[in-house]
């Protein structure tokens, strides 16, 4: 069930929106003032905000400003019964996703909300995948919770901040390349290429050229 926050001091709008969302997978929490809407947003997770422009205590622009300060992506649709071009321009300039003038067509209103919910869902999924990918980089790619592993991760993060040359020792198959890659990805050079070279396949002269460059 997708959850929408509605802020409007007119009970008939709450009734109308409830009728529009009936038989859909959209539920809404209704607030009758801007302050109530801001408090509700701070305590619960919503996927879309619908706010009237004119409300007691805090108006719709105040709601817009407060929510945009903590979430720049969530769709915020402003509605008004006396709105004009100036109000619409002001709302969009302050970060509103859409502007609807009352009375609105129920089918068109639902279509707008559905579209904004779909876009926001895609944005959040993209953020989730991006963050998941980041968690598998650097020390996040090292699996283990034992004391030696925790100590090694601490050392990786420590040396990654320096420009010193680092020698990694260990038996074959113990993860030396993984540690080297983690150091690279934890460093401020992580946006540069990481090149792994299997030195055992190179002769001494070729290895010197590969690592330090060839001079004539």
N, C-alpha and C. Protein backbone atom coordinates (compact mmCIF):
# COMPACT_ATOMS: atom_id res chain seq x y z
N UNK A 1 0.85 -1.19 0.00
CA UNK A 1 0.00 0.00 0.00
C UNK A 1 0.88 1.24 0.00
N UNK A 2 0.70 2.11 -1.00
CA UNK A 2 1.46 3.34 -1.09
C UNK A 2 0.77 4.43 -0.26
N UNK A 3 1.57 5.19 0.50
CA UNK A 3 0.98 6.11 1.46
C UNK A 3 1.23 7.56 1.07
N UNK A 4 0.16 8.34 1.07
CA UNK A 4 0.20 9.75 0.70
C UNK A 4 -0.21 10.60 1.90
N UNK A 5 0.43 11.74 2.05
CA UNK A 5 0.07 12.69 3.10
C UNK A 5 -0.73 13.82 2.47
N UNK A 6 -1.93 14.06 2.99
CA UNK A 6 -2.78 15.14 2.49
C UNK A 6 -2.90 16.22 3.55
N UNK A 7 -2.61 17.45 3.19
CA UNK A 7 -2.74 18.59 4.10
C UNK A 7 -3.72 19.58 3.50
N UNK A 8 -4.89 19.68 4.12
CA UNK A 8 -5.93 20.60 3.64
C UNK A 8 -6.90 20.85 4.78
N UNK A 9 -7.27 22.10 5.00
CA UNK A 9 -8.16 22.41 6.11
C UNK A 9 -9.64 22.25 5.76
N UNK A 10 -9.92 21.79 4.55
CA UNK A 10 -11.30 21.60 4.10
C UNK A 10 -11.67 20.12 4.17
N UNK A 11 -12.60 19.72 5.05
CA UNK A 11 -12.99 18.30 5.18
C UNK A 11 -13.52 17.70 3.89
N UNK A 12 -14.16 18.53 3.04
CA UNK A 12 -14.71 17.99 1.79
C UNK A 12 -13.61 17.51 0.85
N UNK A 13 -12.43 18.14 0.92
CA UNK A 13 -11.30 17.69 0.09
C UNK A 13 -10.80 16.33 0.58
N UNK A 14 -10.79 16.13 1.88
CA UNK A 14 -10.40 14.83 2.44
C UNK A 14 -11.37 13.76 1.96
N UNK A 15 -12.65 14.09 1.94
CA UNK A 15 -13.66 13.14 1.48
C UNK A 15 -13.48 12.83 -0.01
N UNK A 16 -13.21 13.87 -0.80
CA UNK A 16 -13.02 13.69 -2.23
C UNK A 16 -11.81 12.84 -2.54
N UNK A 17 -10.70 13.14 -1.87
CA UNK A 17 -9.47 12.37 -2.11
C UNK A 17 -9.66 10.92 -1.66
N UNK A 18 -10.38 10.72 -0.56
CA UNK A 18 -10.68 9.36 -0.12
C UNK A 18 -11.48 8.60 -1.15
N UNK A 19 -12.44 9.27 -1.78
CA UNK A 19 -13.25 8.63 -2.83
C UNK A 19 -12.40 8.31 -4.05
N UNK A 20 -11.48 9.22 -4.39
CA UNK A 20 -10.63 9.01 -5.56
C UNK A 20 -9.69 7.82 -5.35
N UNK A 21 -9.16 7.68 -4.13
CA UNK A 21 -8.20 6.61 -3.84
C UNK A 21 -8.88 5.28 -3.52
N UNK A 22 -10.20 5.29 -3.37
CA UNK A 22 -10.90 4.05 -3.07
C UNK A 22 -10.71 3.06 -4.23
N UNK A 23 -10.52 1.80 -3.90
CA UNK A 23 -10.29 0.72 -4.87
C UNK A 23 -8.94 0.85 -5.58
N UNK A 24 -8.02 1.60 -4.98
CA UNK A 24 -6.63 1.65 -5.47
C UNK A 24 -5.73 1.14 -4.35
N UNK A 25 -4.43 1.06 -4.62
CA UNK A 25 -3.48 0.64 -3.58
C UNK A 25 -2.86 1.85 -2.90
N UNK A 26 -3.56 2.98 -2.95
CA UNK A 26 -3.07 4.22 -2.33
C UNK A 26 -3.90 4.53 -1.10
N UNK A 27 -3.22 4.74 0.03
CA UNK A 27 -3.90 5.20 1.23
C UNK A 27 -3.39 6.60 1.55
N UNK A 28 -4.14 7.35 2.34
CA UNK A 28 -3.67 8.68 2.69
C UNK A 28 -3.95 8.99 4.15
N UNK A 29 -3.06 9.80 4.70
CA UNK A 29 -3.26 10.33 6.05
C UNK A 29 -3.62 11.80 5.91
N UNK A 30 -4.75 12.18 6.47
CA UNK A 30 -5.21 13.54 6.33
C UNK A 30 -4.81 14.43 7.49
N UNK A 31 -4.35 15.64 7.16
CA UNK A 31 -4.02 16.65 8.17
C UNK A 31 -4.79 17.92 7.82
N UNK A 32 -5.20 18.67 8.85
CA UNK A 32 -6.02 19.85 8.63
C UNK A 32 -5.27 21.16 8.85
N UNK A 33 -3.96 21.07 9.01
CA UNK A 33 -3.14 22.27 9.12
C UNK A 33 -1.73 21.96 8.65
N UNK A 34 -1.00 23.02 8.31
CA UNK A 34 0.36 22.82 7.86
C UNK A 34 1.26 22.24 8.93
N UNK A 35 1.09 22.71 10.16
CA UNK A 35 1.91 22.22 11.27
C UNK A 35 1.66 20.74 11.50
N UNK A 36 0.39 20.34 11.44
CA UNK A 36 0.06 18.93 11.63
C UNK A 36 0.71 18.07 10.54
N UNK A 37 0.73 18.59 9.31
CA UNK A 37 1.34 17.86 8.20
C UNK A 37 2.85 17.71 8.39
N UNK A 38 3.50 18.78 8.83
CA UNK A 38 4.96 18.72 9.05
C UNK A 38 5.29 17.71 10.14
N UNK A 39 4.50 17.69 11.21
CA UNK A 39 4.72 16.74 12.30
C UNK A 39 4.51 15.31 11.82
N UNK A 40 3.49 15.10 11.00
CA UNK A 40 3.20 13.75 10.48
C UNK A 40 4.33 13.27 9.57
N UNK A 41 4.84 14.17 8.75
CA UNK A 41 5.93 13.81 7.84
C UNK A 41 7.18 13.42 8.61
N UNK A 42 7.41 14.07 9.74
CA UNK A 42 8.60 13.80 10.55
C UNK A 42 8.53 12.44 11.24
N UNK A 43 7.33 11.91 11.41
CA UNK A 43 7.17 10.68 12.19
C UNK A 43 6.84 9.45 11.34
N UNK A 44 6.46 9.64 10.08
CA UNK A 44 6.07 8.50 9.25
C UNK A 44 6.68 8.61 7.86
N UNK A 45 6.64 7.50 7.14
CA UNK A 45 7.20 7.45 5.79
C UNK A 45 6.09 7.59 4.77
N UNK A 46 6.19 8.61 3.93
CA UNK A 46 5.21 8.84 2.87
C UNK A 46 5.90 8.82 1.52
N UNK A 47 5.12 8.60 0.47
CA UNK A 47 5.67 8.56 -0.88
C UNK A 47 5.22 9.74 -1.73
N UNK A 48 4.33 10.55 -1.19
CA UNK A 48 3.84 11.71 -1.92
C UNK A 48 3.18 12.66 -0.92
N UNK A 49 3.31 13.96 -1.16
CA UNK A 49 2.68 14.97 -0.31
C UNK A 49 1.72 15.78 -1.17
N UNK A 50 0.49 15.93 -0.70
CA UNK A 50 -0.49 16.81 -1.35
C UNK A 50 -0.83 17.89 -0.34
N UNK A 51 -0.60 19.14 -0.70
CA UNK A 51 -0.80 20.22 0.27
C UNK A 51 -1.58 21.38 -0.33
N UNK A 52 -2.60 21.83 0.40
CA UNK A 52 -3.30 23.05 0.03
C UNK A 52 -2.37 24.24 0.25
N UNK A 53 -2.58 25.30 -0.49
CA UNK A 53 -1.75 26.49 -0.33
C UNK A 53 -2.15 27.27 0.92
N UNK A 54 -3.46 27.50 1.10
CA UNK A 54 -3.95 28.31 2.22
C UNK A 54 -4.41 27.41 3.36
N UNK A 55 -3.69 27.48 4.50
CA UNK A 55 -4.02 26.70 5.68
C UNK A 55 -3.67 27.49 6.93
N UNK A 56 -4.30 27.20 8.06
CA UNK A 56 -3.98 27.90 9.31
C UNK A 56 -2.61 27.51 9.85
N UNK A 57 -2.04 28.34 10.69
CA UNK A 57 -0.75 28.14 11.36
C UNK A 57 0.41 28.19 10.38
N UNK A 58 0.52 27.18 9.55
CA UNK A 58 1.58 27.13 8.52
C UNK A 58 0.91 26.88 7.18
N UNK A 59 1.16 27.74 6.19
CA UNK A 59 0.51 27.54 4.89
C UNK A 59 1.26 26.50 4.06
N UNK A 60 0.76 26.27 2.85
CA UNK A 60 1.35 25.24 1.99
C UNK A 60 2.79 25.51 1.61
N UNK A 61 3.15 26.78 1.48
CA UNK A 61 4.54 27.11 1.15
C UNK A 61 5.46 26.78 2.33
N UNK A 62 4.94 26.95 3.54
CA UNK A 62 5.71 26.56 4.72
C UNK A 62 5.92 25.06 4.77
N UNK A 63 4.85 24.30 4.44
CA UNK A 63 4.95 22.83 4.38
C UNK A 63 5.98 22.43 3.33
N UNK A 64 5.88 23.06 2.16
CA UNK A 64 6.81 22.78 1.06
C UNK A 64 8.25 23.03 1.48
N UNK A 65 8.49 24.16 2.13
CA UNK A 65 9.85 24.52 2.56
C UNK A 65 10.40 23.53 3.59
N UNK A 66 9.58 23.18 4.58
CA UNK A 66 10.02 22.29 5.65
C UNK A 66 10.35 20.89 5.10
N UNK A 67 9.51 20.39 4.21
CA UNK A 67 9.72 19.03 3.69
C UNK A 67 10.90 19.01 2.73
N UNK A 68 11.01 20.03 1.89
CA UNK A 68 12.14 20.07 0.95
C UNK A 68 13.48 20.17 1.68
N UNK A 69 13.47 20.72 2.88
CA UNK A 69 14.71 20.85 3.65
C UNK A 69 15.28 19.50 4.04
N UNK A 70 14.42 18.47 4.12
CA UNK A 70 14.88 17.14 4.54
C UNK A 70 14.75 16.10 3.43
N UNK A 71 13.96 16.40 2.40
CA UNK A 71 13.78 15.43 1.31
C UNK A 71 13.59 16.21 0.01
N UNK A 72 14.60 16.17 -0.83
CA UNK A 72 14.57 16.94 -2.08
C UNK A 72 13.91 16.19 -3.22
N UNK A 73 13.54 14.92 -2.99
CA UNK A 73 13.06 14.08 -4.08
C UNK A 73 11.58 13.74 -4.02
N UNK A 74 11.00 13.65 -2.83
CA UNK A 74 9.62 13.22 -2.69
C UNK A 74 8.70 14.18 -3.46
N UNK A 75 7.73 13.66 -4.21
CA UNK A 75 6.82 14.54 -4.94
C UNK A 75 5.91 15.33 -3.99
N UNK A 76 5.82 16.62 -4.22
CA UNK A 76 4.95 17.50 -3.44
C UNK A 76 4.03 18.22 -4.41
N UNK A 77 2.73 17.94 -4.32
CA UNK A 77 1.74 18.53 -5.21
C UNK A 77 0.97 19.59 -4.44
N UNK A 78 1.00 20.81 -4.92
CA UNK A 78 0.29 21.91 -4.29
C UNK A 78 -1.09 22.06 -4.94
N UNK A 79 -2.13 22.28 -4.12
CA UNK A 79 -3.48 22.47 -4.62
C UNK A 79 -4.06 23.76 -4.03
N UNK A 80 -4.91 24.42 -4.80
CA UNK A 80 -5.53 25.66 -4.31
C UNK A 80 -6.83 25.92 -5.06
N UNK A 81 -7.74 26.58 -4.39
CA UNK A 81 -9.01 26.92 -5.02
C UNK A 81 -9.00 28.32 -5.61
N UNK A 82 -7.98 29.10 -5.32
CA UNK A 82 -7.93 30.49 -5.80
C UNK A 82 -6.61 30.76 -6.50
N UNK A 83 -5.96 29.73 -6.96
CA UNK A 83 -4.62 29.88 -7.51
C UNK A 83 -4.59 30.49 -8.89
N UNK A 84 -3.52 31.12 -9.18
CA UNK A 84 -3.29 31.69 -10.49
C UNK A 84 -1.90 31.34 -10.96
N UNK A 85 -1.50 31.96 -12.05
CA UNK A 85 -0.18 31.70 -12.62
C UNK A 85 0.91 32.05 -11.63
N UNK A 86 0.75 33.16 -10.91
CA UNK A 86 1.78 33.59 -9.96
C UNK A 86 1.98 32.56 -8.86
N UNK A 87 0.87 32.00 -8.34
CA UNK A 87 0.97 30.98 -7.29
C UNK A 87 1.66 29.73 -7.82
N UNK A 88 1.30 29.34 -9.04
CA UNK A 88 1.90 28.14 -9.63
C UNK A 88 3.40 28.32 -9.83
N UNK A 89 3.78 29.48 -10.33
CA UNK A 89 5.21 29.75 -10.56
C UNK A 89 5.96 29.76 -9.24
N UNK A 90 5.38 30.40 -8.22
CA UNK A 90 6.03 30.45 -6.91
C UNK A 90 6.21 29.04 -6.34
N UNK A 91 5.17 28.23 -6.45
CA UNK A 91 5.24 26.87 -5.91
C UNK A 91 6.32 26.05 -6.61
N UNK A 92 6.35 26.11 -7.93
CA UNK A 92 7.34 25.35 -8.69
C UNK A 92 8.74 25.85 -8.38
N UNK A 93 8.91 27.16 -8.29
CA UNK A 93 10.23 27.73 -7.99
C UNK A 93 10.73 27.32 -6.61
N UNK A 94 9.80 27.09 -5.68
CA UNK A 94 10.19 26.70 -4.33
C UNK A 94 10.33 25.18 -4.18
N UNK A 95 10.14 24.45 -5.27
CA UNK A 95 10.41 23.01 -5.22
C UNK A 95 9.21 22.11 -5.34
N UNK A 96 8.02 22.66 -5.63
CA UNK A 96 6.85 21.81 -5.81
C UNK A 96 7.00 20.97 -7.08
N UNK A 97 6.46 19.76 -7.05
CA UNK A 97 6.53 18.88 -8.21
C UNK A 97 5.39 19.14 -9.18
N UNK A 98 4.28 19.66 -8.67
CA UNK A 98 3.10 19.90 -9.51
C UNK A 98 2.19 20.90 -8.82
N UNK A 99 1.26 21.45 -9.57
CA UNK A 99 0.33 22.44 -9.04
C UNK A 99 -1.04 22.18 -9.64
N UNK A 100 -2.07 22.00 -8.79
CA UNK A 100 -3.41 21.67 -9.26
C UNK A 100 -4.41 22.67 -8.70
N UNK A 101 -5.27 23.16 -9.57
CA UNK A 101 -6.29 24.12 -9.16
C UNK A 101 -7.60 23.38 -8.91
N UNK A 102 -8.24 23.67 -7.76
CA UNK A 102 -9.54 23.11 -7.42
C UNK A 102 -10.64 23.92 -8.11
N UNK A 103 -11.76 23.29 -8.48
CA UNK A 103 -12.05 21.85 -8.35
C UNK A 103 -11.33 21.06 -9.44
N UNK A 104 -10.79 19.89 -9.08
CA UNK A 104 -10.03 19.12 -10.04
C UNK A 104 -10.81 17.89 -10.50
N UNK A 105 -10.49 17.46 -11.70
CA UNK A 105 -11.10 16.26 -12.26
C UNK A 105 -10.54 15.03 -11.56
N UNK A 106 -11.39 14.16 -10.98
CA UNK A 106 -10.90 13.00 -10.21
C UNK A 106 -9.97 12.09 -11.02
N UNK A 107 -10.33 11.83 -12.28
CA UNK A 107 -9.49 10.93 -13.09
C UNK A 107 -8.13 11.55 -13.37
N UNK A 108 -8.12 12.83 -13.70
CA UNK A 108 -6.85 13.51 -13.97
C UNK A 108 -6.02 13.62 -12.70
N UNK A 109 -6.67 13.88 -11.58
CA UNK A 109 -5.98 13.98 -10.30
C UNK A 109 -5.30 12.65 -9.96
N UNK A 110 -6.05 11.55 -10.09
CA UNK A 110 -5.49 10.23 -9.78
C UNK A 110 -4.33 9.91 -10.71
N UNK A 111 -4.45 10.25 -11.99
CA UNK A 111 -3.38 9.98 -12.95
C UNK A 111 -2.11 10.73 -12.57
N UNK A 112 -2.26 11.99 -12.15
CA UNK A 112 -1.09 12.77 -11.74
C UNK A 112 -0.41 12.13 -10.53
N UNK A 113 -1.21 11.75 -9.53
CA UNK A 113 -0.64 11.15 -8.33
C UNK A 113 0.04 9.83 -8.66
N UNK A 114 -0.59 9.01 -9.49
CA UNK A 114 -0.01 7.72 -9.89
C UNK A 114 1.34 7.94 -10.57
N UNK A 115 1.41 8.90 -11.46
CA UNK A 115 2.66 9.16 -12.19
C UNK A 115 3.77 9.61 -11.24
N UNK A 116 3.44 10.50 -10.31
CA UNK A 116 4.45 10.95 -9.36
C UNK A 116 4.90 9.83 -8.44
N UNK A 117 3.97 8.97 -8.04
CA UNK A 117 4.33 7.83 -7.18
C UNK A 117 5.25 6.86 -7.92
N UNK A 118 4.99 6.62 -9.19
CA UNK A 118 5.83 5.71 -9.98
C UNK A 118 7.24 6.27 -10.13
N UNK A 119 7.32 7.55 -10.42
CA UNK A 119 8.65 8.18 -10.58
C UNK A 119 9.44 8.12 -9.28
N UNK A 120 8.76 8.43 -8.16
CA UNK A 120 9.44 8.41 -6.86
C UNK A 120 9.87 7.00 -6.49
N UNK A 121 9.05 6.01 -6.84
CA UNK A 121 9.41 4.61 -6.57
C UNK A 121 10.68 4.23 -7.33
N UNK A 122 10.78 4.66 -8.58
CA UNK A 122 11.96 4.37 -9.39
C UNK A 122 13.19 5.07 -8.82
N UNK A 123 13.02 6.30 -8.36
CA UNK A 123 14.13 7.05 -7.76
C UNK A 123 14.64 6.34 -6.52
N UNK A 124 13.72 5.90 -5.66
CA UNK A 124 14.12 5.24 -4.41
C UNK A 124 14.77 3.89 -4.69
N UNK A 125 14.28 3.17 -5.69
CA UNK A 125 14.89 1.88 -6.04
C UNK A 125 16.29 2.09 -6.58
N UNK A 126 16.47 3.13 -7.38
CA UNK A 126 17.80 3.44 -7.90
C UNK A 126 18.76 3.79 -6.77
N UNK A 127 18.28 4.57 -5.77
CA UNK A 127 19.11 4.91 -4.62
C UNK A 127 19.47 3.66 -3.82
N UNK A 128 18.49 2.76 -3.67
CA UNK A 128 18.74 1.53 -2.92
C UNK A 128 19.80 0.68 -3.60
N UNK A 129 19.70 0.54 -4.91
CA UNK A 129 20.68 -0.26 -5.65
C UNK A 129 22.06 0.39 -5.61
N UNK A 130 22.08 1.72 -5.71
CA UNK A 130 23.36 2.43 -5.67
C UNK A 130 24.04 2.26 -4.31
N UNK A 131 23.25 2.39 -3.25
CA UNK A 131 23.81 2.23 -1.91
C UNK A 131 24.24 0.79 -1.66
N UNK A 132 23.47 -0.15 -2.22
CA UNK A 132 23.84 -1.56 -2.08
C UNK A 132 25.15 -1.86 -2.77
N UNK A 133 25.34 -1.23 -3.94
CA UNK A 133 26.58 -1.41 -4.67
C UNK A 133 27.76 -0.83 -3.90
N UNK A 134 27.52 0.33 -3.27
CA UNK A 134 28.59 0.95 -2.49
C UNK A 134 28.98 0.09 -1.30
N UNK A 135 28.00 -0.60 -0.71
CA UNK A 135 28.29 -1.39 0.48
C UNK A 135 29.17 -2.59 0.17
N UNK A 136 29.27 -2.96 -1.13
CA UNK A 136 30.11 -4.09 -1.53
C UNK A 136 31.49 -3.64 -1.99
N UNK A 137 31.74 -2.36 -1.89
CA UNK A 137 33.04 -1.83 -2.26
C UNK A 137 33.88 -1.60 -1.02
N UNK A 138 35.19 -1.46 -1.23
CA UNK A 138 36.08 -1.19 -0.11
C UNK A 138 36.02 -2.28 0.94
N UNK A 139 36.00 -1.89 2.20
CA UNK A 139 35.97 -2.86 3.30
C UNK A 139 34.64 -3.61 3.35
N UNK A 140 33.60 -3.08 2.70
CA UNK A 140 32.32 -3.76 2.66
C UNK A 140 32.38 -5.08 1.91
N UNK A 141 33.43 -5.25 1.08
CA UNK A 141 33.57 -6.50 0.32
C UNK A 141 34.27 -7.59 1.13
N UNK A 142 34.80 -7.23 2.31
CA UNK A 142 35.50 -8.21 3.15
C UNK A 142 34.51 -8.84 4.11
N UNK A 143 34.37 -10.15 4.04
CA UNK A 143 33.41 -10.88 4.87
C UNK A 143 34.12 -11.44 6.09
N UNK A 144 33.58 -11.18 7.26
CA UNK A 144 34.18 -11.71 8.49
C UNK A 144 33.97 -10.76 9.66
N UNK A 145 33.79 -11.32 10.86
CA UNK A 145 33.56 -10.49 12.04
C UNK A 145 34.52 -10.85 13.18
N UNK A 146 35.48 -11.71 12.90
CA UNK A 146 36.41 -12.11 13.95
C UNK A 146 37.33 -10.95 14.30
N UNK A 147 38.02 -11.07 15.44
CA UNK A 147 38.93 -10.01 15.88
C UNK A 147 40.03 -9.72 14.86
N UNK A 148 40.69 -10.76 14.27
CA UNK A 148 41.73 -10.46 13.28
C UNK A 148 41.19 -9.73 12.05
N UNK A 149 39.96 -10.10 11.60
CA UNK A 149 39.38 -9.44 10.44
C UNK A 149 39.05 -7.98 10.76
N UNK A 150 38.49 -7.75 11.96
CA UNK A 150 38.17 -6.38 12.36
C UNK A 150 39.44 -5.54 12.47
N UNK A 151 40.51 -6.16 12.97
CA UNK A 151 41.78 -5.44 13.08
C UNK A 151 42.32 -5.09 11.70
N UNK A 152 42.21 -6.05 10.76
CA UNK A 152 42.70 -5.82 9.40
C UNK A 152 41.91 -4.69 8.73
N UNK A 153 40.58 -4.69 8.91
CA UNK A 153 39.75 -3.64 8.32
C UNK A 153 40.13 -2.28 8.88
N UNK A 154 40.42 -2.23 10.18
CA UNK A 154 40.85 -0.99 10.80
C UNK A 154 42.17 -0.51 10.21
N UNK A 155 43.08 -1.45 9.97
CA UNK A 155 44.38 -1.10 9.39
C UNK A 155 44.21 -0.62 7.95
N UNK A 156 43.30 -1.27 7.20
CA UNK A 156 43.05 -0.87 5.81
C UNK A 156 42.58 0.58 5.77
N UNK A 157 41.62 0.92 6.62
CA UNK A 157 41.08 2.28 6.64
C UNK A 157 42.14 3.30 7.07
N UNK A 158 43.04 2.85 7.94
CA UNK A 158 44.09 3.75 8.41
C UNK A 158 45.10 4.03 7.31
N UNK A 159 45.60 2.99 6.65
CA UNK A 159 46.63 3.19 5.64
C UNK A 159 46.07 3.79 4.36
N UNK A 160 44.75 3.61 4.12
CA UNK A 160 44.15 4.16 2.90
C UNK A 160 44.20 5.68 2.88
N UNK A 161 44.34 6.28 4.05
CA UNK A 161 44.38 7.75 4.13
C UNK A 161 45.78 8.31 3.84
N UNK A 162 46.75 7.42 3.73
CA UNK A 162 48.12 7.89 3.51
C UNK A 162 48.53 7.70 2.06
N UNK A 163 49.68 8.27 1.71
CA UNK A 163 50.25 8.10 0.37
C UNK A 163 51.45 7.15 0.39
N UNK A 164 51.63 6.43 1.49
CA UNK A 164 52.77 5.54 1.63
C UNK A 164 52.59 4.29 0.79
N UNK A 165 53.71 3.70 0.38
CA UNK A 165 53.67 2.40 -0.30
C UNK A 165 53.35 1.33 0.73
N UNK A 166 52.57 0.35 0.35
CA UNK A 166 52.09 -0.65 1.31
C UNK A 166 52.44 -2.05 0.80
N UNK A 167 53.04 -2.84 1.64
CA UNK A 167 53.32 -4.24 1.30
C UNK A 167 52.32 -5.13 2.02
N UNK A 168 51.68 -6.02 1.28
CA UNK A 168 50.69 -6.94 1.84
C UNK A 168 51.27 -8.34 1.76
N UNK A 169 51.39 -8.99 2.90
CA UNK A 169 51.98 -10.32 2.96
C UNK A 169 50.91 -11.35 3.27
N UNK A 170 51.08 -12.56 2.72
CA UNK A 170 50.12 -13.62 3.01
C UNK A 170 50.29 -14.78 2.06
N UNK A 171 49.83 -15.93 2.48
CA UNK A 171 49.91 -17.11 1.64
C UNK A 171 49.02 -16.95 0.41
N UNK A 172 49.26 -17.77 -0.60
CA UNK A 172 48.46 -17.75 -1.81
C UNK A 172 47.00 -18.08 -1.48
N UNK A 173 46.09 -17.26 -1.98
CA UNK A 173 44.67 -17.52 -1.77
C UNK A 173 44.09 -16.90 -0.52
N UNK A 174 44.88 -16.12 0.23
CA UNK A 174 44.37 -15.53 1.47
C UNK A 174 43.69 -14.17 1.27
N UNK A 175 43.71 -13.67 0.02
CA UNK A 175 42.99 -12.43 -0.25
C UNK A 175 43.82 -11.18 -0.30
N UNK A 176 45.08 -11.32 -0.73
CA UNK A 176 45.94 -10.13 -0.79
C UNK A 176 45.41 -9.11 -1.80
N UNK A 177 44.93 -9.59 -2.95
CA UNK A 177 44.39 -8.67 -3.95
C UNK A 177 43.12 -7.98 -3.43
N UNK A 178 42.30 -8.72 -2.70
CA UNK A 178 41.09 -8.14 -2.12
C UNK A 178 41.44 -7.01 -1.15
N UNK A 179 42.47 -7.24 -0.34
CA UNK A 179 42.91 -6.21 0.60
C UNK A 179 43.45 -5.00 -0.17
N UNK A 180 44.26 -5.26 -1.21
CA UNK A 180 44.82 -4.16 -2.01
C UNK A 180 43.70 -3.35 -2.66
N UNK A 181 42.70 -4.04 -3.20
CA UNK A 181 41.58 -3.35 -3.83
C UNK A 181 40.78 -2.54 -2.80
N UNK A 182 40.63 -3.11 -1.60
CA UNK A 182 39.90 -2.41 -0.54
C UNK A 182 40.63 -1.14 -0.14
N UNK A 183 41.95 -1.22 -0.03
CA UNK A 183 42.74 -0.03 0.30
C UNK A 183 42.53 1.05 -0.77
N UNK A 184 42.56 0.63 -2.02
CA UNK A 184 42.36 1.58 -3.12
C UNK A 184 40.98 2.23 -3.05
N UNK A 185 39.95 1.41 -2.82
CA UNK A 185 38.58 1.92 -2.84
C UNK A 185 38.23 2.73 -1.60
N UNK A 186 38.98 2.55 -0.52
CA UNK A 186 38.78 3.35 0.68
C UNK A 186 39.58 4.66 0.63
N UNK A 187 40.46 4.79 -0.35
CA UNK A 187 41.33 5.96 -0.42
C UNK A 187 40.66 7.08 -1.23
N UNK A 188 41.31 8.26 -1.22
CA UNK A 188 40.78 9.37 -2.02
C UNK A 188 41.15 9.24 -3.48
N UNK A 189 41.74 8.11 -3.85
CA UNK A 189 42.05 7.82 -5.26
C UNK A 189 41.09 6.78 -5.84
N UNK A 190 39.99 6.54 -5.16
CA UNK A 190 39.10 5.47 -5.56
C UNK A 190 38.46 5.69 -6.93
N UNK A 191 38.47 6.95 -7.40
CA UNK A 191 37.90 7.22 -8.72
C UNK A 191 38.89 6.93 -9.84
N UNK A 192 40.12 6.57 -9.46
CA UNK A 192 41.15 6.22 -10.46
C UNK A 192 41.15 4.70 -10.67
N UNK A 193 41.70 4.23 -11.80
CA UNK A 193 41.70 2.78 -12.08
C UNK A 193 42.54 1.99 -11.07
N UNK A 194 42.09 0.78 -10.77
CA UNK A 194 42.87 -0.16 -9.95
C UNK A 194 43.40 -1.23 -10.89
N UNK A 195 44.73 -1.37 -10.95
CA UNK A 195 45.36 -2.33 -11.88
C UNK A 195 46.05 -3.41 -11.08
N UNK A 196 45.60 -4.65 -11.25
CA UNK A 196 46.22 -5.80 -10.58
C UNK A 196 47.20 -6.47 -11.53
N UNK A 197 48.42 -6.68 -11.05
CA UNK A 197 49.46 -7.31 -11.87
C UNK A 197 49.93 -8.58 -11.18
N UNK A 198 49.89 -9.71 -11.88
CA UNK A 198 50.38 -10.98 -11.35
C UNK A 198 51.89 -11.03 -11.58
N UNK A 199 52.67 -10.66 -10.58
CA UNK A 199 54.12 -10.55 -10.73
C UNK A 199 54.79 -11.91 -10.97
N UNK A 200 54.14 -13.00 -10.55
CA UNK A 200 54.77 -14.32 -10.72
C UNK A 200 54.88 -14.71 -12.18
N UNK A 201 54.13 -14.06 -13.04
CA UNK A 201 54.17 -14.41 -14.47
C UNK A 201 55.17 -13.55 -15.23
N UNK A 202 55.83 -12.63 -14.53
CA UNK A 202 56.73 -11.70 -15.21
C UNK A 202 58.17 -11.97 -14.80
N UNK A 203 59.08 -11.77 -15.74
CA UNK A 203 60.49 -11.85 -15.41
C UNK A 203 60.88 -10.59 -14.64
N UNK A 204 62.05 -10.63 -14.01
CA UNK A 204 62.47 -9.51 -13.18
C UNK A 204 62.57 -8.21 -13.97
N UNK A 205 63.11 -8.28 -15.17
CA UNK A 205 63.29 -7.06 -15.97
C UNK A 205 61.94 -6.51 -16.46
N UNK A 206 61.06 -7.43 -16.87
CA UNK A 206 59.74 -6.99 -17.35
C UNK A 206 58.92 -6.42 -16.20
N UNK A 207 59.04 -7.04 -15.02
CA UNK A 207 58.28 -6.57 -13.87
C UNK A 207 58.69 -5.16 -13.50
N UNK A 208 60.01 -4.90 -13.57
CA UNK A 208 60.50 -3.56 -13.25
C UNK A 208 59.92 -2.53 -14.21
N UNK A 209 59.84 -2.89 -15.50
CA UNK A 209 59.29 -1.97 -16.49
C UNK A 209 57.79 -1.77 -16.28
N UNK A 210 57.08 -2.86 -15.96
CA UNK A 210 55.64 -2.77 -15.76
C UNK A 210 55.29 -1.88 -14.56
N UNK A 211 56.06 -2.05 -13.48
CA UNK A 211 55.73 -1.32 -12.26
C UNK A 211 56.27 0.09 -12.23
N UNK A 212 57.46 0.30 -12.78
CA UNK A 212 58.14 1.61 -12.64
C UNK A 212 58.35 2.34 -13.95
N UNK A 213 57.98 1.69 -15.07
CA UNK A 213 58.14 2.33 -16.36
C UNK A 213 59.44 1.92 -17.04
N UNK A 214 59.43 1.96 -18.34
CA UNK A 214 60.59 1.54 -19.14
C UNK A 214 61.43 2.76 -19.53
N UNK A 215 62.71 2.66 -19.32
CA UNK A 215 63.62 3.75 -19.73
C UNK A 215 64.58 3.23 -20.77
N UNK A 216 64.93 4.11 -21.70
CA UNK A 216 65.85 3.70 -22.77
C UNK A 216 67.19 4.37 -22.59
